[in-house]
Structures are given as structure tokens and as C-alpha cells.
Amino acid sequence: MVGFVQLPKGTHQWSSFLTPEELVLLLQHASINVKEMAGFVYNPLIGKWLMSDDISVNYIAFGTKNDK
């Protein structure tokens, strides 16, 4: 059986999180061209994280450094 860990209120400071758009802007400022973004969603029925098109909460980015 798969269980969830419930974090106490106040664990996260939501104002410190970056949106996908903010991350892209920061990476572009560092001369990194974002090639792809993907989301992660947790499936409690199988107890695994899966890749997804949903980048609204958990996401990763892949990019390459621009040549100067």
C-alpha cells in the first residue's frame, strides 16, 4: 500500500517558487536556451512519479548553453 507524507503547514514559502516562465527567463539571461520542459505527476495507484505535459506544479527543464 502506498502512503502519503503530509508536510506541516508553513513548510513551503510559495513566494519563493519559480513559475516555468520565470525559470525560462532566468536561464535565457544566463545564455541557456531551453529546449524542453516536462512535468512530473505522482500516481498513487502504482506508487510512482511519471513524466507529464503538465508543468503547473512539478517540472524540469533541459537546455543548452549558447555559444558566444
N, C-alpha and C. Protein backbone atom coordinates (compact mmCIF):
# COMPACT_ATOMS: atom_id res chain seq x y z
N MET A 1 0.84 -1.18 0.00
CA MET A 1 0.00 0.00 0.00
C MET A 1 0.88 1.24 0.00
N VAL A 2 0.46 2.22 -0.78
CA VAL A 2 1.21 3.46 -0.91
C VAL A 2 0.63 4.49 0.03
N GLY A 3 1.49 5.18 0.77
CA GLY A 3 1.03 6.23 1.67
C GLY A 3 1.58 7.59 1.26
N PHE A 4 0.99 8.60 1.81
CA PHE A 4 1.45 9.96 1.54
C PHE A 4 2.05 10.54 2.81
N VAL A 5 3.08 11.31 2.64
CA VAL A 5 3.66 12.04 3.76
C VAL A 5 3.03 13.43 3.74
N GLN A 6 2.39 13.78 4.81
CA GLN A 6 1.77 15.09 4.87
C GLN A 6 2.73 16.04 5.57
N LEU A 7 3.10 17.09 4.87
CA LEU A 7 4.02 18.07 5.42
C LEU A 7 3.25 19.09 6.25
N PRO A 8 3.87 19.57 7.31
CA PRO A 8 3.19 20.57 8.13
C PRO A 8 2.99 21.88 7.37
N LYS A 9 1.93 22.60 7.72
CA LYS A 9 1.71 23.92 7.13
C LYS A 9 2.91 24.80 7.43
N GLY A 10 3.26 25.64 6.45
CA GLY A 10 4.40 26.53 6.60
C GLY A 10 5.71 25.92 6.14
N THR A 11 5.68 24.66 5.66
CA THR A 11 6.90 24.00 5.19
C THR A 11 7.46 24.73 3.97
N HIS A 12 6.57 25.14 3.08
CA HIS A 12 6.98 25.82 1.85
C HIS A 12 6.63 27.29 1.91
N GLN A 13 7.50 28.09 1.37
CA GLN A 13 7.20 29.51 1.20
C GLN A 13 6.90 29.71 -0.28
N TRP A 14 5.61 29.71 -0.62
CA TRP A 14 5.18 29.68 -2.02
C TRP A 14 5.72 30.83 -2.82
N SER A 15 5.98 31.97 -2.21
CA SER A 15 6.51 33.11 -2.95
C SER A 15 7.94 32.87 -3.44
N SER A 16 8.61 31.84 -2.90
CA SER A 16 9.99 31.52 -3.31
C SER A 16 10.04 30.59 -4.53
N PHE A 17 8.91 29.99 -4.87
CA PHE A 17 8.88 29.07 -6.01
C PHE A 17 8.88 29.85 -7.32
N LEU A 18 9.53 29.29 -8.33
CA LEU A 18 9.57 29.89 -9.66
C LEU A 18 8.52 29.25 -10.54
N THR A 19 7.86 30.07 -11.36
CA THR A 19 6.98 29.52 -12.37
C THR A 19 7.86 29.02 -13.52
N PRO A 20 7.33 28.16 -14.37
CA PRO A 20 8.12 27.72 -15.53
C PRO A 20 8.59 28.91 -16.38
N GLU A 21 7.74 29.91 -16.53
CA GLU A 21 8.11 31.09 -17.32
C GLU A 21 9.27 31.85 -16.68
N GLU A 22 9.24 31.97 -15.36
CA GLU A 22 10.33 32.66 -14.65
C GLU A 22 11.64 31.89 -14.80
N LEU A 23 11.57 30.56 -14.72
CA LEU A 23 12.77 29.75 -14.89
C LEU A 23 13.36 29.94 -16.27
N VAL A 24 12.51 29.92 -17.29
CA VAL A 24 12.99 30.11 -18.67
C VAL A 24 13.69 31.46 -18.80
N LEU A 25 13.11 32.51 -18.24
CA LEU A 25 13.73 33.84 -18.32
C LEU A 25 15.08 33.87 -17.62
N LEU A 26 15.18 33.25 -16.45
CA LEU A 26 16.46 33.19 -15.74
C LEU A 26 17.52 32.43 -16.55
N LEU A 27 17.13 31.32 -17.13
CA LEU A 27 18.07 30.54 -17.93
C LEU A 27 18.48 31.30 -19.19
N GLN A 28 17.54 31.97 -19.84
CA GLN A 28 17.88 32.77 -21.02
C GLN A 28 18.86 33.87 -20.65
N HIS A 29 18.67 34.50 -19.49
CA HIS A 29 19.59 35.54 -19.01
C HIS A 29 21.00 34.98 -18.80
N ALA A 30 21.09 33.69 -18.48
CA ALA A 30 22.38 33.02 -18.30
C ALA A 30 22.87 32.38 -19.60
N SER A 31 22.30 32.80 -20.72
CA SER A 31 22.68 32.29 -22.06
C SER A 31 22.42 30.80 -22.21
N ILE A 32 21.36 30.31 -21.61
CA ILE A 32 20.95 28.92 -21.76
C ILE A 32 19.64 28.89 -22.52
N ASN A 33 19.62 28.15 -23.61
CA ASN A 33 18.44 28.03 -24.45
C ASN A 33 17.66 26.79 -24.01
N VAL A 34 16.47 27.00 -23.48
CA VAL A 34 15.64 25.89 -23.01
C VAL A 34 15.09 25.14 -24.21
N LYS A 35 15.40 23.86 -24.28
CA LYS A 35 14.97 23.01 -25.39
C LYS A 35 13.67 22.29 -25.10
N GLU A 36 13.46 21.93 -23.82
CA GLU A 36 12.29 21.13 -23.48
C GLU A 36 11.97 21.29 -21.99
N MET A 37 10.69 21.24 -21.68
CA MET A 37 10.23 21.20 -20.30
C MET A 37 9.25 20.05 -20.18
N ALA A 38 9.27 19.42 -19.02
CA ALA A 38 8.35 18.31 -18.76
C ALA A 38 7.89 18.40 -17.31
N GLY A 39 6.71 17.89 -17.08
CA GLY A 39 6.17 17.87 -15.74
C GLY A 39 6.31 16.50 -15.12
N PHE A 40 6.11 16.45 -13.81
CA PHE A 40 6.09 15.19 -13.07
C PHE A 40 4.76 15.13 -12.32
N VAL A 41 4.12 13.98 -12.37
CA VAL A 41 2.90 13.76 -11.59
C VAL A 41 3.05 12.46 -10.83
N TYR A 42 2.50 12.43 -9.63
CA TYR A 42 2.58 11.22 -8.81
C TYR A 42 1.31 10.41 -9.02
N ASN A 43 1.48 9.12 -9.30
CA ASN A 43 0.35 8.21 -9.44
C ASN A 43 0.31 7.34 -8.19
N PRO A 44 -0.64 7.62 -7.28
CA PRO A 44 -0.68 6.86 -6.03
C PRO A 44 -1.10 5.41 -6.20
N LEU A 45 -1.74 5.09 -7.32
CA LEU A 45 -2.17 3.71 -7.54
C LEU A 45 -0.99 2.77 -7.78
N ILE A 46 0.05 3.31 -8.41
CA ILE A 46 1.24 2.48 -8.66
C ILE A 46 2.44 2.92 -7.82
N GLY A 47 2.28 4.03 -7.08
CA GLY A 47 3.35 4.50 -6.20
C GLY A 47 4.56 5.02 -6.93
N LYS A 48 4.35 5.65 -8.10
CA LYS A 48 5.48 6.15 -8.89
C LYS A 48 5.21 7.55 -9.42
N TRP A 49 6.31 8.26 -9.66
CA TRP A 49 6.27 9.53 -10.34
C TRP A 49 6.39 9.26 -11.84
N LEU A 50 5.61 9.95 -12.64
CA LEU A 50 5.62 9.78 -14.08
C LEU A 50 5.81 11.13 -14.76
N MET A 51 6.41 11.11 -15.94
CA MET A 51 6.55 12.35 -16.71
C MET A 51 5.20 12.70 -17.31
N SER A 52 5.00 14.02 -17.49
CA SER A 52 3.71 14.53 -17.93
C SER A 52 3.90 15.80 -18.73
N ASP A 53 2.87 16.20 -19.45
CA ASP A 53 2.88 17.51 -20.13
C ASP A 53 2.48 18.64 -19.18
N ASP A 54 2.03 18.30 -17.99
CA ASP A 54 1.56 19.28 -17.02
C ASP A 54 2.74 19.86 -16.24
N ILE A 55 3.08 21.11 -16.56
CA ILE A 55 4.21 21.77 -15.87
C ILE A 55 3.71 22.79 -14.84
N SER A 56 2.48 22.63 -14.38
CA SER A 56 1.89 23.61 -13.47
C SER A 56 2.43 23.53 -12.04
N VAL A 57 2.97 22.36 -11.63
CA VAL A 57 3.44 22.24 -10.25
C VAL A 57 4.87 21.71 -10.20
N ASN A 58 5.10 20.49 -10.64
CA ASN A 58 6.43 19.87 -10.60
C ASN A 58 6.96 19.75 -12.03
N TYR A 59 8.13 20.32 -12.25
CA TYR A 59 8.65 20.32 -13.62
C TYR A 59 10.17 20.33 -13.65
N ILE A 60 10.69 19.96 -14.81
CA ILE A 60 12.13 20.01 -15.07
C ILE A 60 12.33 20.68 -16.42
N ALA A 61 13.54 21.16 -16.65
CA ALA A 61 13.86 21.80 -17.93
C ALA A 61 15.19 21.27 -18.42
N PHE A 62 15.30 21.21 -19.74
CA PHE A 62 16.54 20.80 -20.39
C PHE A 62 16.95 21.95 -21.32
N GLY A 63 18.21 22.33 -21.27
CA GLY A 63 18.68 23.41 -22.12
C GLY A 63 20.14 23.25 -22.46
N THR A 64 20.57 24.08 -23.40
CA THR A 64 21.98 24.07 -23.80
C THR A 64 22.52 25.49 -23.71
N LYS A 65 23.80 25.57 -23.39
CA LYS A 65 24.47 26.87 -23.27
C LYS A 65 24.70 27.42 -24.66
N ASN A 66 24.32 28.68 -24.85
CA ASN A 66 24.51 29.32 -26.15
C ASN A 66 25.98 29.62 -26.38
N ASP A 67 26.43 29.48 -27.61
CA ASP A 67 27.80 29.85 -27.97
C ASP A 67 27.89 31.35 -28.02
N LYS A 68 29.03 31.86 -27.58
CA LYS A 68 29.22 33.32 -27.61
C LYS A 68 30.21 33.70 -28.67
